[in-house]
C-alpha atoms as a PDB file:
ATOM      1  CA  MET A   1      -6.809  26.184  49.612  1.00  0.00           C
ATOM      2  CA  GLU A   2      -5.444  29.499  50.903  1.00  0.00           C
ATOM      3  CA  GLU A   3      -8.338  29.815  53.349  1.00  0.00           C
ATOM      4  CA  PHE A   4      -7.607  26.314  54.597  1.00  0.00           C
ATOM      5  CA  VAL A   5      -3.921  27.138  55.210  1.00  0.00           C
ATOM      6  CA  THR A   6      -4.877  30.380  57.040  1.00  0.00           C
ATOM      7  CA  GLU A   7      -7.333  28.584  59.295  1.00  0.00           C
ATOM      8  CA  SER A   8      -4.750  25.875  60.014  1.00  0.00           C
ATOM      9  CA  LEU A   9      -2.133  28.430  61.072  1.00  0.00           C
ATOM     10  CA  ALA A  10      -4.641  30.193  63.287  1.00  0.00           C
ATOM     11  CA  LEU A  11      -5.585  26.924  64.926  1.00  0.00           C
ATOM     12  CA  LEU A  12      -1.933  26.093  65.592  1.00  0.00           C
ATOM     13  CA  THR A  13      -1.364  29.525  67.124  1.00  0.00           C
ATOM     14  CA  GLU A  14      -4.357  29.283  69.431  1.00  0.00           C
ATOM     15  CA  SER A  15      -3.505  25.785  70.599  1.00  0.00           C
ATOM     16  CA  GLY A  16       0.146  26.511  71.120  1.00  0.00           C
ATOM     17  CA  ALA A  17       0.988  23.899  68.504  1.00  0.00           C
ATOM     18  CA  ASP A  18       0.384  21.122  71.048  1.00  0.00           C
ATOM     19  CA  GLY A  19      -0.630  17.573  70.151  1.00  0.00           C
ATOM     20  CA  LYS A  20      -4.324  18.287  70.619  1.00  0.00           C
ATOM     21  CA  GLY A  21      -4.256  21.120  68.057  1.00  0.00           C
ATOM     22  CA  ALA A  22      -2.380  18.982  65.505  1.00  0.00           C
ATOM     23  CA  SER A  23      -4.933  16.199  65.933  1.00  0.00           C
ATOM     24  CA  SER A  24      -7.813  18.611  65.383  1.00  0.00           C
ATOM     25  CA  LEU A  25      -6.089  19.963  62.291  1.00  0.00           C
ATOM     26  CA  LEU A  26      -5.671  16.460  60.819  1.00  0.00           C
ATOM     27  CA  GLU A  27      -9.276  15.569  61.532  1.00  0.00           C
ATOM     28  CA  SER A  28     -10.439  18.769  59.849  1.00  0.00           C
ATOM     29  CA  TYR A  29      -8.223  18.094  56.813  1.00  0.00           C
ATOM     30  CA  LEU A  30      -9.538  14.540  56.424  1.00  0.00           C
ATOM     31  CA  ALA A  31     -13.118  15.677  56.904  1.00  0.00           C
ATOM     32  CA  ASP A  32     -12.698  18.130  54.029  1.00  0.00           C
ATOM     33  CA  LEU A  33     -10.752  15.681  51.829  1.00  0.00           C
ATOM     34  CA  VAL A  34     -13.044  12.639  51.959  1.00  0.00           C
ATOM     35  CA  PRO A  35     -16.005  14.270  50.159  1.00  0.00           C
ATOM     36  CA  ASP A  36     -13.695  15.544  47.445  1.00  0.00           C
ATOM     37  CA  LEU A  37     -12.196  12.071  46.936  1.00  0.00           C
ATOM     38  CA  ILE A  38     -15.628  10.483  46.815  1.00  0.00           C
ATOM     39  CA  GLY A  39     -16.810  13.076  44.305  1.00  0.00           C
ATOM     40  CA  PHE A  40     -13.722  12.539  42.122  1.00  0.00           C
ATOM     41  CA  ALA A  41     -14.134   8.749  42.258  1.00  0.00           C
ATOM     42  CA  LEU A  42     -17.777   9.069  41.200  1.00  0.00           C
ATOM     43  CA  SER A  43     -16.747  11.369  38.331  1.00  0.00           C
ATOM     44  CA  VAL A  44     -14.128   8.851  37.144  1.00  0.00           C
ATOM     45  CA  ALA A  45     -16.634   5.981  37.366  1.00  0.00           C
ATOM     46  CA  GLY A  46     -19.228   8.001  35.477  1.00  0.00           C
ATOM     47  CA  ALA A  47     -16.685   8.955  32.796  1.00  0.00           C
ATOM     48  CA  VAL A  48     -15.619   5.314  32.309  1.00  0.00           C
ATOM     49  CA  LEU A  49     -19.256   4.205  32.082  1.00  0.00           C
ATOM     50  CA  VAL A  50     -20.095   6.922  29.559  1.00  0.00           C
ATOM     51  CA  TYR A  51     -17.002   6.019  27.475  1.00  0.00           C
ATOM     52  CA  VAL A  52     -17.919   2.323  27.341  1.00  0.00           C
ATOM     53  CA  ILE A  53     -21.583   2.933  26.503  1.00  0.00           C
ATOM     54  CA  GLY A  54     -20.775   5.818  24.154  1.00  0.00           C
ATOM     55  CA  GLY A  55     -18.198   3.732  22.272  1.00  0.00           C
ATOM     56  CA  ARG A  56     -20.767   0.989  21.692  1.00  0.00           C
ATOM     57  CA  ILE A  57     -23.350   3.500  20.527  1.00  0.00           C
ATOM     58  CA  ILE A  58     -20.840   5.034  18.089  1.00  0.00           C
ATOM     59  CA  ARG A  59     -19.982   1.609  16.637  1.00  0.00           C
ATOM     60  CA  TRP A  60     -23.678   0.772  16.280  1.00  0.00           C
ATOM     61  CA  LEU A  61     -24.431   4.077  14.566  1.00  0.00           C
ATOM     62  CA  ARG A  62     -21.499   3.555  12.178  1.00  0.00           C
ATOM     63  CA  ARG A  63     -22.821   0.117  11.221  1.00  0.00           C
ATOM     64  CA  VAL A  64     -26.268   1.579  10.547  1.00  0.00           C
ATOM     65  CA  PHE A  65     -24.694   4.416   8.545  1.00  0.00           C
ATOM     66  CA  ARG A  66     -22.611   2.006   6.439  1.00  0.00           C
ATOM     67  CA  LYS A  67     -25.635  -0.205   5.702  1.00  0.00           C
ATOM     68  CA  MET A  68     -27.646   2.846   4.675  1.00  0.00           C
ATOM     69  CA  MET A  69     -24.901   3.999   2.287  1.00  0.00           C
ATOM     70  CA  ALA A  70     -24.573   0.478   0.865  1.00  0.00           C
ATOM     71  CA  ARG A  71     -28.328   0.339   0.169  1.00  0.00           C
ATOM     72  CA  HIS A  72     -28.033   3.576  -1.791  1.00  0.00           C
ATOM     73  CA  ASN A  73     -25.036   2.236  -3.786  1.00  0.00           C
ATOM     74  CA  VAL A  74     -22.669   4.919  -2.513  1.00  0.00           C
ATOM     75  CA  ASP A  75     -19.121   4.560  -3.865  1.00  0.00           C
ATOM     76  CA  GLU A  76     -16.976   2.441  -1.568  1.00  0.00           C
ATOM     77  CA  GLY A  77     -14.324   5.141  -1.238  1.00  0.00           C
ATOM     78  CA  VAL A  78     -16.996   7.661  -0.195  1.00  0.00           C
ATOM     79  CA  GLN A  79     -18.332   5.129   2.311  1.00  0.00           C
ATOM     80  CA  GLN A  80     -14.901   4.696   3.891  1.00  0.00           C
ATOM     81  CA  PHE A  81     -14.276   8.451   4.041  1.00  0.00           C
ATOM     82  CA  LEU A  82     -17.664   9.322   5.575  1.00  0.00           C
ATOM     83  CA  ASP A  83     -17.438   6.407   7.992  1.00  0.00           C
ATOM     84  CA  GLY A  84     -14.053   7.653   9.225  1.00  0.00           C
ATOM     85  CA  LEU A  85     -15.385  11.204   9.496  1.00  0.00           C
ATOM     86  CA  ALA A  86     -18.400  10.009  11.513  1.00  0.00           C
ATOM     87  CA  LYS A  87     -16.069   8.067  13.806  1.00  0.00           C
ATOM     88  CA  TYR A  88     -13.923  11.118  14.607  1.00  0.00           C
ATOM     89  CA  MET A  89     -16.960  13.337  15.130  1.00  0.00           C
ATOM     90  CA  GLY A  90     -18.619  10.778  17.406  1.00  0.00           C
ATOM     91  CA  TYR A  91     -15.572  10.406  19.617  1.00  0.00           C
ATOM     92  CA  PHE A  92     -15.118  14.185  19.745  1.00  0.00           C
ATOM     93  CA  VAL A  93     -18.652  14.556  21.130  1.00  0.00           C
ATOM     94  CA  LEU A  94     -17.993  11.670  23.525  1.00  0.00           C
ATOM     95  CA  ILE A  95     -14.839  13.357  24.858  1.00  0.00           C
ATOM     96  CA  LEU A  96     -16.807  16.569  25.447  1.00  0.00           C
ATOM     97  CA  MET A  97     -19.361  14.590  27.473  1.00  0.00           C
ATOM     98  CA  ILE A  98     -16.605  12.961  29.538  1.00  0.00           C
ATOM     99  CA  LEU A  99     -14.954  16.322  30.242  1.00  0.00           C
ATOM    100  CA  GLY A 100     -18.290  17.492  31.613  1.00  0.00           C
ATOM    101  CA  PHE A 101     -17.874  15.079  34.545  1.00  0.00           C
ATOM    102  CA  PHE A 102     -14.801  17.055  35.595  1.00  0.00           C
ATOM    103  CA  GLY A 103     -16.409  20.467  35.292  1.00  0.00           C
ATOM    104  CA  VAL A 104     -15.201  21.285  31.788  1.00  0.00           C
ATOM    105  CA  THR A 105     -18.066  22.558  29.630  1.00  0.00           C
ATOM    106  CA  ALA A 106     -18.371  22.463  25.872  1.00  0.00           C
ATOM    107  CA  ALA A 107     -18.388  26.263  25.825  1.00  0.00           C
ATOM    108  CA  SER A 108     -15.013  26.267  27.604  1.00  0.00           C
ATOM    109  CA  VAL A 109     -13.552  23.852  25.062  1.00  0.00           C
ATOM    110  CA  VAL A 110     -14.864  25.934  22.156  1.00  0.00           C
ATOM    111  CA  ALA A 111     -13.434  29.078  23.755  1.00  0.00           C
ATOM    112  CA  VAL A 112     -10.016  27.441  24.171  1.00  0.00           C
ATOM    113  CA  LEU A 113     -10.060  26.175  20.596  1.00  0.00           C
ATOM    114  CA  GLY A 114     -11.060  29.619  19.355  1.00  0.00           C
ATOM    115  CA  SER A 115      -8.332  31.422  21.290  1.00  0.00           C
ATOM    116  CA  ALA A 116      -5.728  28.902  20.151  1.00  0.00           C
ATOM    117  CA  GLY A 117      -7.023  28.780  16.595  1.00  0.00           C
ATOM    118  CA  LEU A 118      -3.856  30.069  14.935  1.00  0.00           C
ATOM    119  CA  THR A 119      -1.594  27.795  16.964  1.00  0.00           C
ATOM    120  CA  LEU A 120      -3.778  24.771  16.310  1.00  0.00           C
ATOM    121  CA  GLY A 121      -3.969  25.648  12.638  1.00  0.00           C
ATOM    122  CA  LEU A 122      -0.191  25.663  12.347  1.00  0.00           C
ATOM    123  CA  ALA A 123       0.154  22.466  14.392  1.00  0.00           C
ATOM    124  CA  LEU A 124      -2.508  20.657  12.362  1.00  0.00           C
ATOM    125  CA  GLN A 125      -1.504  22.086   9.013  1.00  0.00           C
ATOM    126  CA  GLY A 126      -0.462  18.690   7.639  1.00  0.00           C
ATOM    127  CA  SER A 127      -3.599  16.956   8.901  1.00  0.00           C
ATOM    128  CA  LEU A 128      -5.855  19.670   7.489  1.00  0.00           C
ATOM    129  CA  SER A 129      -4.053  19.401   4.152  1.00  0.00           C
ATOM    130  CA  ASN A 130      -4.608  15.636   4.138  1.00  0.00           C
ATOM    131  CA  PHE A 131      -8.282  16.093   5.011  1.00  0.00           C
ATOM    132  CA  ALA A 132      -8.732  18.589   2.177  1.00  0.00           C
ATOM    133  CA  GLY A 133      -6.883  16.201  -0.141  1.00  0.00           C
ATOM    134  CA  GLY A 134      -9.270  13.404   0.793  1.00  0.00           C
ATOM    135  CA  VAL A 135     -12.261  15.628   0.024  1.00  0.00           C
ATOM    136  CA  LEU A 136     -10.769  16.495  -3.385  1.00  0.00           C
ATOM    137  CA  ILE A 137     -10.145  12.823  -4.169  1.00  0.00           C
ATOM    138  CA  LEU A 138     -13.769  11.981  -3.404  1.00  0.00           C
ATOM    139  CA  LEU A 139     -15.096  14.925  -5.419  1.00  0.00           C
ATOM    140  CA  LEU A 140     -12.875  14.508  -8.496  1.00  0.00           C
ATOM    141  CA  GLN A 141     -12.578  10.692  -8.226  1.00  0.00           C
ATOM    142  CA  PRO A 142      -9.256  10.199 -10.032  1.00  0.00           C
ATOM    143  CA  PHE A 143      -9.349   6.673  -8.599  1.00  0.00           C
ATOM    144  CA  GLY A 144     -11.539   4.484  -6.438  1.00  0.00           C
ATOM    145  CA  VAL A 145     -11.231   1.524  -4.123  1.00  0.00           C
ATOM    146  CA  GLY A 146      -9.949  -1.487  -6.074  1.00  0.00           C
ATOM    147  CA  ASP A 147      -8.137   0.554  -8.750  1.00  0.00           C
ATOM    148  CA  TYR A 148      -4.442  -0.020  -9.473  1.00  0.00           C
ATOM    149  CA  ILE A 149      -2.664   3.339  -9.389  1.00  0.00           C
ATOM    150  CA  ILE A 150       0.881   4.669  -9.705  1.00  0.00           C
ATOM    151  CA  GLU A 151       1.837   7.819  -7.788  1.00  0.00           C
ATOM    152  CA  ALA A 152       4.308   9.902  -9.795  1.00  0.00           C
ATOM    153  CA  ASN A 153       6.372  11.651  -7.091  1.00  0.00           C
ATOM    154  CA  GLY A 154       7.486   8.600  -5.117  1.00  0.00           C
ATOM    155  CA  GLY A 155       6.785   5.940  -7.744  1.00  0.00           C
ATOM    156  CA  MET A 156       4.556   4.063  -5.295  1.00  0.00           C
ATOM    157  CA  GLU A 157       1.959   1.779  -6.848  1.00  0.00           C
ATOM    158  CA  GLY A 158      -0.613  -0.782  -5.826  1.00  0.00           C
ATOM    159  CA  TYR A 159      -4.309  -1.552  -5.462  1.00  0.00           C
ATOM    160  CA  VAL A 160      -6.341   1.031  -3.510  1.00  0.00           C
ATOM    161  CA  GLN A 161      -7.583  -0.692  -0.366  1.00  0.00           C
ATOM    162  CA  GLU A 162      -9.017   2.220   1.589  1.00  0.00           C
ATOM    163  CA  ILE A 163      -9.592   5.970   1.278  1.00  0.00           C
ATOM    164  CA  SER A 164      -9.801   7.278   4.828  1.00  0.00           C
ATOM    165  CA  VAL A 165     -10.126  10.810   6.201  1.00  0.00           C
ATOM    166  CA  PHE A 166      -6.388  11.535   6.165  1.00  0.00           C
ATOM    167  CA  TYR A 167      -4.657   8.658   4.324  1.00  0.00           C
ATOM    168  CA  THR A 168      -5.079   6.310   1.371  1.00  0.00           C
ATOM    169  CA  THR A 169      -3.910   2.716   1.732  1.00  0.00           C
ATOM    170  CA  LEU A 170      -2.409   0.757  -1.177  1.00  0.00           C
ATOM    171  CA  LEU A 171      -1.691  -2.969  -1.399  1.00  0.00           C
ATOM    172  CA  THR A 172       1.237  -3.921  -3.663  1.00  0.00           C
ATOM    173  CA  GLY A 173       1.509  -7.053  -5.755  1.00  0.00           C
ATOM    174  CA  ASP A 174       3.800  -8.639  -3.147  1.00  0.00           C
ATOM    175  CA  GLN A 175       1.249  -7.877  -0.386  1.00  0.00           C
ATOM    176  CA  LYS A 176       2.975  -4.854   1.126  1.00  0.00           C
ATOM    177  CA  THR A 177       0.782  -2.119   2.593  1.00  0.00           C
ATOM    178  CA  ILE A 178       1.606   1.466   1.602  1.00  0.00           C
ATOM    179  CA  VAL A 179      -0.039   4.364   3.462  1.00  0.00           C
ATOM    180  CA  ILE A 180       0.074   7.662   1.535  1.00  0.00           C
ATOM    181  CA  PRO A 181      -1.197  11.028   2.880  1.00  0.00           C
ATOM    182  CA  ASN A 182      -4.182  12.306   0.906  1.00  0.00           C
ATOM    183  CA  GLY A 183      -2.476  15.680   0.559  1.00  0.00           C
ATOM    184  CA  THR A 184       0.406  14.052  -1.315  1.00  0.00           C
ATOM    185  CA  LEU A 185      -1.922  12.179  -3.670  1.00  0.00           C
ATOM    186  CA  SER A 186      -4.074  15.217  -4.420  1.00  0.00           C
ATOM    187  CA  ASN A 187      -0.984  17.274  -5.345  1.00  0.00           C
ATOM    188  CA  SER A 188       0.796  14.719  -7.541  1.00  0.00           C
ATOM    189  CA  SER A 189       0.204  13.050 -10.887  1.00  0.00           C
ATOM    190  CA  ILE A 190      -1.706   9.779 -10.640  1.00  0.00           C
ATOM    191  CA  THR A 191      -1.684   7.021 -13.248  1.00  0.00           C
ATOM    192  CA  ASN A 192      -4.852   4.943 -12.948  1.00  0.00           C
ATOM    193  CA  ILE A 193      -4.148   1.591 -14.578  1.00  0.00           C
ATOM    194  CA  SER A 194      -7.617   0.181 -13.919  1.00  0.00           C
ATOM    195  CA  LYS A 195      -9.719   3.072 -15.234  1.00  0.00           C
ATOM    196  CA  SER A 196     -10.146   1.700 -18.771  1.00  0.00           C
ATOM    197  CA  GLY A 197     -10.582  -1.909 -17.643  1.00  0.00           C
ATOM    198  CA  LYS A 198      -7.628  -3.199 -19.681  1.00  0.00           C
ATOM    199  CA  ARG A 199      -3.855  -2.867 -19.750  1.00  0.00           C
ATOM    200  CA  ARG A 200      -1.364  -3.238 -22.589  1.00  0.00           C
ATOM    201  CA  LEU A 201       1.664  -5.468 -22.203  1.00  0.00           C
ATOM    202  CA  ASP A 202       4.685  -4.994 -24.501  1.00  0.00           C
ATOM    203  CA  ILE A 203       7.491  -7.554 -24.366  1.00  0.00           C
ATOM    204  CA  ILE A 204      10.630  -6.732 -26.334  1.00  0.00           C
ATOM    205  CA  VAL A 205      12.483  -9.691 -27.869  1.00  0.00           C
ATOM    206  CA  ASP A 206      15.878  -9.286 -29.572  1.00  0.00           C
ATOM    207  CA  ILE A 207      16.728 -11.716 -32.369  1.00  0.00           C
ATOM    208  CA  ALA A 208      19.912 -11.965 -34.425  1.00  0.00           C
ATOM    209  CA  TYR A 209      20.104 -10.297 -37.829  1.00  0.00           C
ATOM    210  CA  ASP A 210      20.729 -13.627 -39.541  1.00  0.00           C
ATOM    211  CA  ALA A 211      17.605 -15.185 -37.971  1.00  0.00           C
ATOM    212  CA  ASP A 212      14.477 -15.804 -40.071  1.00  0.00           C
ATOM    213  CA  LEU A 213      12.367 -12.741 -39.293  1.00  0.00           C
ATOM    214  CA  GLN A 214       9.034 -14.085 -40.571  1.00  0.00           C
ATOM    215  CA  LYS A 215       9.510 -17.377 -38.752  1.00  0.00           C
ATOM    216  CA  ALA A 216      10.353 -15.565 -35.516  1.00  0.00           C
ATOM    217  CA  LYS A 217       7.225 -13.385 -35.829  1.00  0.00           C
ATOM    218  CA  ALA A 218       5.071 -16.450 -36.441  1.00  0.00           C
ATOM    219  CA  VAL A 219       6.498 -18.238 -33.403  1.00  0.00           C
ATOM    220  CA  LEU A 220       5.978 -15.242 -31.156  1.00  0.00           C
ATOM    221  CA  LEU A 221       2.420 -14.668 -32.446  1.00  0.00           C
ATOM    222  CA  ALA A 222       1.532 -18.303 -31.767  1.00  0.00           C
ATOM    223  CA  VAL A 223       2.864 -17.972 -28.204  1.00  0.00           C
ATOM    224  CA  ALA A 224       0.816 -14.830 -27.617  1.00  0.00           C
ATOM    225  CA  GLU A 225      -2.371 -16.387 -29.019  1.00  0.00           C
ATOM    226  CA  GLN A 226      -1.973 -19.461 -26.803  1.00  0.00           C
ATOM    227  CA  SER A 227      -1.621 -17.431 -23.605  1.00  0.00           C
ATOM    228  CA  ALA A 228      -4.486 -17.670 -21.134  1.00  0.00           C
ATOM    229  CA  HIS A 229      -4.857 -14.042 -20.086  1.00  0.00           C
ATOM    230  CA  TYR A 230      -5.086 -11.906 -23.219  1.00  0.00           C
ATOM    231  CA  LEU A 231      -8.353 -10.183 -24.147  1.00  0.00           C
ATOM    232  CA  GLU A 232     -10.095 -11.770 -27.134  1.00  0.00           C
ATOM    233  CA  SER A 233     -11.422  -8.366 -28.167  1.00  0.00           C
ATOM    234  CA  GLU A 234      -7.834  -7.183 -28.706  1.00  0.00           C
ATOM    235  CA  PRO A 235      -5.891  -9.720 -30.852  1.00  0.00           C
ATOM    236  CA  PRO A 236      -2.157  -9.995 -30.078  1.00  0.00           C
ATOM    237  CA  LEU A 237       0.359  -8.341 -32.398  1.00  0.00           C
ATOM    238  CA  VAL A 238       4.035  -8.912 -33.162  1.00  0.00           C
ATOM    239  CA  LEU A 239       5.784  -5.827 -34.553  1.00  0.00           C
ATOM    240  CA  VAL A 240       9.304  -4.922 -35.653  1.00  0.00           C
ATOM    241  CA  ARG A 241      10.093  -2.181 -33.181  1.00  0.00           C
ATOM    242  CA  GLU A 242      13.678  -1.302 -34.069  1.00  0.00           C
ATOM    243  CA  LEU A 243      16.674  -2.303 -36.160  1.00  0.00           C
ATOM    244  CA  ALA A 244      19.263  -1.966 -33.420  1.00  0.00           C
ATOM    245  CA  GLU A 245      23.055  -2.218 -33.596  1.00  0.00           C
ATOM    246  CA  SER A 246      23.301  -5.881 -32.614  1.00  0.00           C
ATOM    247  CA  SER A 247      19.762  -7.200 -33.060  1.00  0.00           C
ATOM    248  CA  VAL A 248      16.328  -6.840 -34.542  1.00  0.00           C
ATOM    249  CA  LYS A 249      13.945  -5.795 -31.744  1.00  0.00           C
ATOM    250  CA  LEU A 250      10.511  -7.394 -31.965  1.00  0.00           C
ATOM    251  CA  CYS A 251       7.577  -6.295 -29.794  1.00  0.00           C
ATOM    252  CA  VAL A 252       4.993  -8.805 -28.610  1.00  0.00           C
ATOM    253  CA  ARG A 253       1.907  -6.749 -27.753  1.00  0.00           C
ATOM    254  CA  VAL A 254      -1.105  -8.131 -25.909  1.00  0.00           C
ATOM    255  CA  TRP A 255      -3.972  -6.574 -23.975  1.00  0.00           C
ATOM    256  CA  THR A 256      -5.051  -8.087 -20.668  1.00  0.00           C
ATOM    257  CA  ASP A 257      -7.093  -7.395 -17.543  1.00  0.00           C
ATOM    258  CA  PRO A 258      -5.188  -5.165 -15.097  1.00  0.00           C
ATOM    259  CA  GLU A 259      -5.471  -7.864 -12.415  1.00  0.00           C
ATOM    260  CA  GLU A 260      -3.813 -10.438 -14.716  1.00  0.00           C
ATOM    261  CA  TYR A 261      -1.043  -8.210 -16.084  1.00  0.00           C
ATOM    262  CA  TRP A 262       1.833  -9.726 -14.128  1.00  0.00           C
ATOM    263  CA  ASP A 263       0.690 -13.336 -14.640  1.00  0.00           C
ATOM    264  CA  GLU A 264       0.509 -12.709 -18.372  1.00  0.00           C
ATOM    265  CA  GLN A 265       3.980 -11.155 -18.472  1.00  0.00           C
ATOM    266  CA  TRP A 266       5.648 -13.983 -16.527  1.00  0.00           C
ATOM    267  CA  GLU A 267       3.912 -16.647 -18.600  1.00  0.00           C
ATOM    268  CA  LEU A 268       4.829 -15.023 -21.923  1.00  0.00           C
ATOM    269  CA  ASN A 269       8.474 -14.516 -20.943  1.00  0.00           C
ATOM    270  CA  GLU A 270       8.873 -18.213 -20.212  1.00  0.00           C
ATOM    271  CA  GLN A 271       6.998 -19.473 -23.273  1.00  0.00           C
ATOM    272  CA  ILE A 272       8.824 -17.085 -25.629  1.00  0.00           C
ATOM    273  CA  LYS A 273      12.204 -18.414 -24.509  1.00  0.00           C
ATOM    274  CA  LEU A 274      11.134 -22.059 -24.809  1.00  0.00           C
ATOM    275  CA  SER A 275       9.457 -21.591 -28.196  1.00  0.00           C
ATOM    276  CA  LEU A 276      12.353 -19.680 -29.765  1.00  0.00           C
ATOM    277  CA  ASP A 277      14.812 -22.311 -28.539  1.00  0.00           C
ATOM    278  CA  ALA A 278      12.633 -25.071 -30.001  1.00  0.00           C
ATOM    279  CA  ALA A 279      12.457 -23.230 -33.342  1.00  0.00           C
ATOM    280  CA  GLY A 280      16.223 -22.725 -33.450  1.00  0.00           C
ATOM    281  CA  ILE A 281      15.965 -18.932 -33.363  1.00  0.00           C
ATOM    282  CA  GLU A 282      18.743 -17.237 -31.419  1.00  0.00           C
ATOM    283  CA  ILE A 283      17.888 -14.517 -28.921  1.00  0.00           C
ATOM    284  CA  ALA A 284      20.502 -11.850 -29.582  1.00  0.00           C
ATOM    285  CA  TYR A 285      22.748 -10.327 -26.959  1.00  0.00           C
ATOM    286  CA  PRO A 286      25.369  -7.558 -27.222  1.00  0.00           C
ATOM    287  CA  GLN A 287      28.482  -8.768 -29.054  1.00  0.00           C
ATOM    288  CA  LEU A 288      31.799  -7.177 -29.929  1.00  0.00           C
ATOM    289  CA  ASP A 289      34.044  -8.315 -32.798  1.00  0.00           C
ATOM    290  CA  VAL A 290      37.733  -7.574 -32.226  1.00  0.00           C
ATOM    291  CA  HIS A 291      40.102  -7.678 -35.235  1.00  0.00           C
ATOM    292  CA  VAL A 292      43.802  -8.089 -34.378  1.00  0.00           C
ATOM    293  CA  LYS A 293      46.374  -7.056 -36.997  1.00  0.00           C
END
């Protein structure tokens, strides 16, 4: 560029800056510019073509990779993690190929990344922590795809939908999607509800002290045994949990599938109220006797 400016000034000096010299300068500028524009346009077209074809190749390779993992019965969470990792690696290679059209070599990119290693490490500290957390989750397997988990720090809970490279996605009972960084999950306590394949449901029922205790237990046990979601291998129980100040606290205990926990709870709550009312047993509530002298 500097040589071009020097030649242009010399040309203007020799021509006396007349119209003929300016015209020659413009023609020379355009003659030098057109090949550069054509070369740049070809580079852009080549980059777009490589991106389109490369993207299709990456998607095809991912499909083949997923089918191969499925044939070998690889855990679904591992499949999702490795598929995401392959996606990022594929597009990284594709970007390096595209940069080559503009004169940027892979060696140059590696050199830049190496020289800026500390800065990049600090900037990507959170992402690297999430990646390491995802690796730990896959190695230790505290939960898998389809499990119902509760995260202790934030109290977030739901069914595990996906374990990706940096995040884990949960689906709540009311169909809300929660995205949690893998680093957070790997550094907090996790309650896996689905691990044992069953979940215990305790419903506390308060009855009055003057109510017939044995009759109340029989009514509650009949309700529990007639429910549709309890496990037959774990018979329901009705226990006296506490003799409280204003009531006798009974506990209706049933075991159910984790997926049917909430349906069982809602059904039992309704049937307990209806059955106790039909049996003439009062459900106690806090009361206060005031004596006026």
